């Protein structure tokens, strides 16, 4: 069901994320109250999706990865549309799901290792297949950026450190890495409404 949006700030936010479904009740309530945070959320989301270090397609795929990770199904649908509009292929969208799935496995496993700090756990092979990381469709550098973003969301210090170091070795500029983290954190905040 598509709702007619009267509040211009809310309308702008929905257009920014290519969202065409129902208006979430919490956002509609903010619009009716003319809440200042709604304006901040619109500006923050718009800015996050337009960082100069990221292409429109990269931004949309990163936003999609956050929606998948946070199980924000209606936002996920919107970012699939946005990613396709920006030129993402079905393979890249599928690989985004695969990346999020793999990182959820890794983040839980490596957080456990990090938290326990016991020799047996840290020296026993993980036994987790990660062949997708060897030659990703979206390219090694971008796959690492997405992996860093998801690892940050999931709070895995070991994975965050590892992916950030890999990105530096791949020649990623610190500003690009920083922008990914700003984007994923903003989309996580947006996702609570969806």
Protein backbone atom coordinates (compact mmCIF):
# COMPACT_ATOMS: atom_id res chain seq x y z
CA UNK A 1 0.00 0.00 0.00
CA UNK A 2 1.48 3.35 -1.06
CA UNK A 3 0.69 6.28 1.21
CA UNK A 4 0.48 9.87 0.00
CA UNK A 5 3.19 11.78 1.82
CA UNK A 6 2.39 15.35 2.78
CA UNK A 7 5.46 16.31 4.83
CA UNK A 8 8.21 17.48 2.43
CA UNK A 9 11.07 16.27 4.63
CA UNK A 10 9.59 12.79 4.86
CA UNK A 11 8.85 12.81 1.15
CA UNK A 12 12.46 13.79 0.44
CA UNK A 13 13.79 11.02 2.69
CA UNK A 14 11.65 8.41 0.95
CA UNK A 15 12.76 9.63 -2.48
CA UNK A 16 16.42 9.58 -1.41
CA UNK A 17 16.20 5.87 -0.62
CA UNK A 18 13.86 4.99 -3.54
CA UNK A 19 11.27 3.80 -1.03
CA UNK A 20 7.79 3.31 -2.45
CA UNK A 21 6.00 1.12 0.13
CA UNK A 22 3.99 2.20 3.13
CA UNK A 23 5.29 4.98 5.34
CA UNK A 24 6.51 3.47 8.63
CA UNK A 25 4.30 4.66 11.48
CA UNK A 26 7.22 6.03 13.51
CA UNK A 27 8.41 8.19 10.61
CA UNK A 28 4.88 9.39 9.93
CA UNK A 29 4.53 10.32 13.61
CA UNK A 30 7.76 12.32 13.40
CA UNK A 31 6.50 14.05 10.27
CA UNK A 32 3.24 14.96 11.99
CA UNK A 33 5.17 16.44 14.91
CA UNK A 34 7.60 18.15 12.56
CA UNK A 35 10.36 16.50 14.58
CA UNK A 36 13.83 17.94 14.06
CA UNK A 37 15.36 14.46 13.97
CA UNK A 38 13.48 13.65 10.78
CA UNK A 39 15.31 16.51 9.08
CA UNK A 40 18.64 15.25 10.44
CA UNK A 41 17.86 11.73 9.26
CA UNK A 42 17.02 12.96 5.76
CA UNK A 43 20.23 15.03 5.55
CA UNK A 44 22.42 12.29 7.05
CA UNK A 45 20.98 9.63 4.73
CA UNK A 46 21.28 11.84 1.65
CA UNK A 47 24.87 12.71 2.51
CA UNK A 48 25.81 9.10 3.26
CA UNK A 49 24.57 7.93 -0.12
CA UNK A 50 26.59 10.62 -1.95
CA UNK A 51 30.11 10.48 -0.53
CA UNK A 52 32.58 11.43 -3.25
CA UNK A 53 34.77 8.39 -2.54
CA UNK A 54 31.95 5.96 -3.39
CA UNK A 55 30.05 5.50 -6.64
CA UNK A 56 26.26 5.52 -6.61
CA UNK A 57 26.27 1.76 -7.20
CA UNK A 58 28.74 1.15 -4.36
CA UNK A 59 26.67 3.27 -1.99
CA UNK A 60 23.48 1.43 -2.91
CA UNK A 61 25.12 -2.00 -2.50
CA UNK A 62 26.59 -1.00 0.86
CA UNK A 63 23.19 0.29 1.98
CA UNK A 64 21.65 -2.98 0.79
CA UNK A 65 24.20 -4.95 2.82
CA UNK A 66 23.17 -3.04 5.95
CA UNK A 67 19.46 -3.62 5.29
CA UNK A 68 20.14 -7.35 4.83
CA UNK A 69 22.30 -7.52 7.95
CA UNK A 70 19.76 -5.65 10.07
CA UNK A 71 16.82 -7.63 8.63
CA UNK A 72 15.05 -4.47 7.49
CA UNK A 73 13.11 -6.24 4.73
CA UNK A 74 11.23 -3.26 3.31
CA UNK A 75 14.41 -1.16 3.26
CA UNK A 76 16.21 -4.09 1.64
CA UNK A 77 13.66 -4.05 -1.18
CA UNK A 78 14.16 -0.30 -1.69
CA UNK A 79 17.95 -0.62 -1.85
CA UNK A 80 17.73 -3.47 -4.36
CA UNK A 81 15.80 -1.07 -6.61
CA UNK A 82 18.32 1.71 -5.94
CA UNK A 83 21.26 -0.63 -6.66
CA UNK A 84 19.72 -1.81 -9.94
CA UNK A 85 19.01 1.80 -10.96
CA UNK A 86 22.70 2.53 -10.28
CA UNK A 87 23.78 -0.34 -12.56
CA UNK A 88 24.25 -3.23 -10.12
CA UNK A 89 23.95 -6.65 -11.73
CA UNK A 90 22.06 -9.63 -10.33
CA UNK A 91 25.45 -11.22 -9.61
CA UNK A 92 26.55 -8.20 -7.54
CA UNK A 93 23.26 -8.19 -5.62
CA UNK A 94 23.55 -11.93 -5.00
CA UNK A 95 27.16 -11.48 -3.89
CA UNK A 96 26.02 -8.80 -1.44
CA UNK A 97 23.76 -11.38 0.23
CA UNK A 98 26.63 -13.90 0.22
CA UNK A 99 29.01 -11.37 1.77
CA UNK A 100 26.58 -10.51 4.56
CA UNK A 101 25.96 -14.20 5.26
CA UNK A 102 29.66 -15.05 5.32
CA UNK A 103 30.50 -12.09 7.54
CA UNK A 104 27.77 -13.04 10.01
CA UNK A 105 29.39 -16.49 10.26
CA UNK A 106 32.88 -15.04 10.60
CA UNK A 107 31.93 -12.24 13.00
CA UNK A 108 30.34 -14.61 15.50
CA UNK A 109 33.20 -17.12 15.22
CA UNK A 110 36.06 -14.62 15.44
CA UNK A 111 34.39 -12.60 18.21
CA UNK A 112 34.24 -15.82 20.21
CA UNK A 113 37.94 -16.44 19.61
CA UNK A 114 38.80 -12.87 20.54
CA UNK A 115 36.65 -12.85 23.68
CA UNK A 116 37.92 -16.16 25.06
CA UNK A 117 41.61 -15.67 24.21
CA UNK A 118 42.27 -19.37 24.80
CA UNK A 119 45.03 -21.09 22.88
CA UNK A 120 42.94 -24.07 21.81
CA UNK A 121 40.31 -21.87 20.15
CA UNK A 122 42.80 -19.52 18.53
CA UNK A 123 45.08 -22.26 17.14
CA UNK A 124 42.45 -24.76 15.96
CA UNK A 125 41.58 -24.17 12.28
CA UNK A 126 38.27 -22.37 11.82
CA UNK A 127 37.06 -24.75 9.13
CA UNK A 128 34.99 -22.00 7.50
CA UNK A 129 35.02 -21.99 3.68
CA UNK A 130 35.52 -18.48 2.31
CA UNK A 131 36.18 -19.06 -1.40
CA UNK A 132 33.99 -16.10 -2.36
CA UNK A 133 36.65 -13.78 -0.91
CA UNK A 134 39.30 -15.00 -3.37
CA UNK A 135 37.75 -13.59 -6.55
CA UNK A 136 34.54 -11.64 -5.85
CA UNK A 137 32.40 -10.37 -8.74
CA UNK A 138 32.36 -6.87 -7.24
CA UNK A 139 36.15 -6.80 -6.96
CA UNK A 140 38.43 -7.55 -4.03
CA UNK A 141 38.69 -3.98 -2.72
CA UNK A 142 34.94 -3.36 -2.68
CA UNK A 143 34.23 -6.79 -1.19
CA UNK A 144 36.69 -5.92 1.60
CA UNK A 145 34.95 -2.56 2.10
CA UNK A 146 31.59 -4.30 2.45
CA UNK A 147 33.16 -6.88 4.78
CA UNK A 148 34.56 -4.08 6.92
CA UNK A 149 31.19 -2.37 7.08
CA UNK A 150 29.33 -5.51 8.14
CA UNK A 151 32.04 -6.45 10.64
CA UNK A 152 31.73 -2.97 12.15
CA UNK A 153 27.96 -3.34 12.46
CA UNK A 154 28.36 -6.74 14.09
CA UNK A 155 31.04 -5.53 16.50
CA UNK A 156 33.84 -7.93 15.63
CA UNK A 157 37.08 -6.16 16.54
CA UNK A 158 39.29 -8.86 15.05
CA UNK A 159 37.45 -8.77 11.70
CA UNK A 160 37.33 -4.96 11.61
CA UNK A 161 41.07 -4.76 12.17
CA UNK A 162 41.79 -7.48 9.60
CA UNK A 163 39.61 -5.96 6.86
CA UNK A 164 40.91 -2.44 7.49
CA UNK A 165 44.51 -3.69 7.19
CA UNK A 166 43.64 -5.58 3.98
CA UNK A 167 42.12 -2.42 2.52
CA UNK A 168 45.21 -0.36 3.31
CA UNK A 169 47.37 -3.05 1.61
CA UNK A 170 45.02 -2.94 -1.41
CA UNK A 171 45.61 0.82 -1.64
CA UNK A 172 42.28 2.08 -0.30
CA UNK A 173 42.43 5.63 0.90
CA UNK A 174 41.52 6.24 4.57
CA UNK A 175 38.75 8.66 3.50
CA UNK A 176 37.07 5.92 1.43
CA UNK A 177 37.25 3.52 4.38
CA UNK A 178 35.91 6.20 6.73
CA UNK A 179 33.04 7.00 4.36
CA UNK A 180 31.99 3.35 4.28
CA UNK A 181 31.74 3.32 8.06
CA UNK A 182 29.76 6.58 8.06
CA UNK A 183 27.41 5.16 5.42
CA UNK A 184 26.76 1.85 7.18
CA UNK A 185 26.23 3.53 10.54
CA UNK A 186 23.72 5.97 9.01
CA UNK A 187 21.78 3.25 7.21
CA UNK A 188 21.70 1.18 10.42
CA UNK A 189 20.10 4.17 12.16
CA UNK A 190 17.62 4.56 9.32
CA UNK A 191 16.83 0.85 9.41
CA UNK A 192 15.24 0.95 12.86
CA UNK A 193 12.21 2.59 11.27
CA UNK A 194 11.77 -0.19 8.72
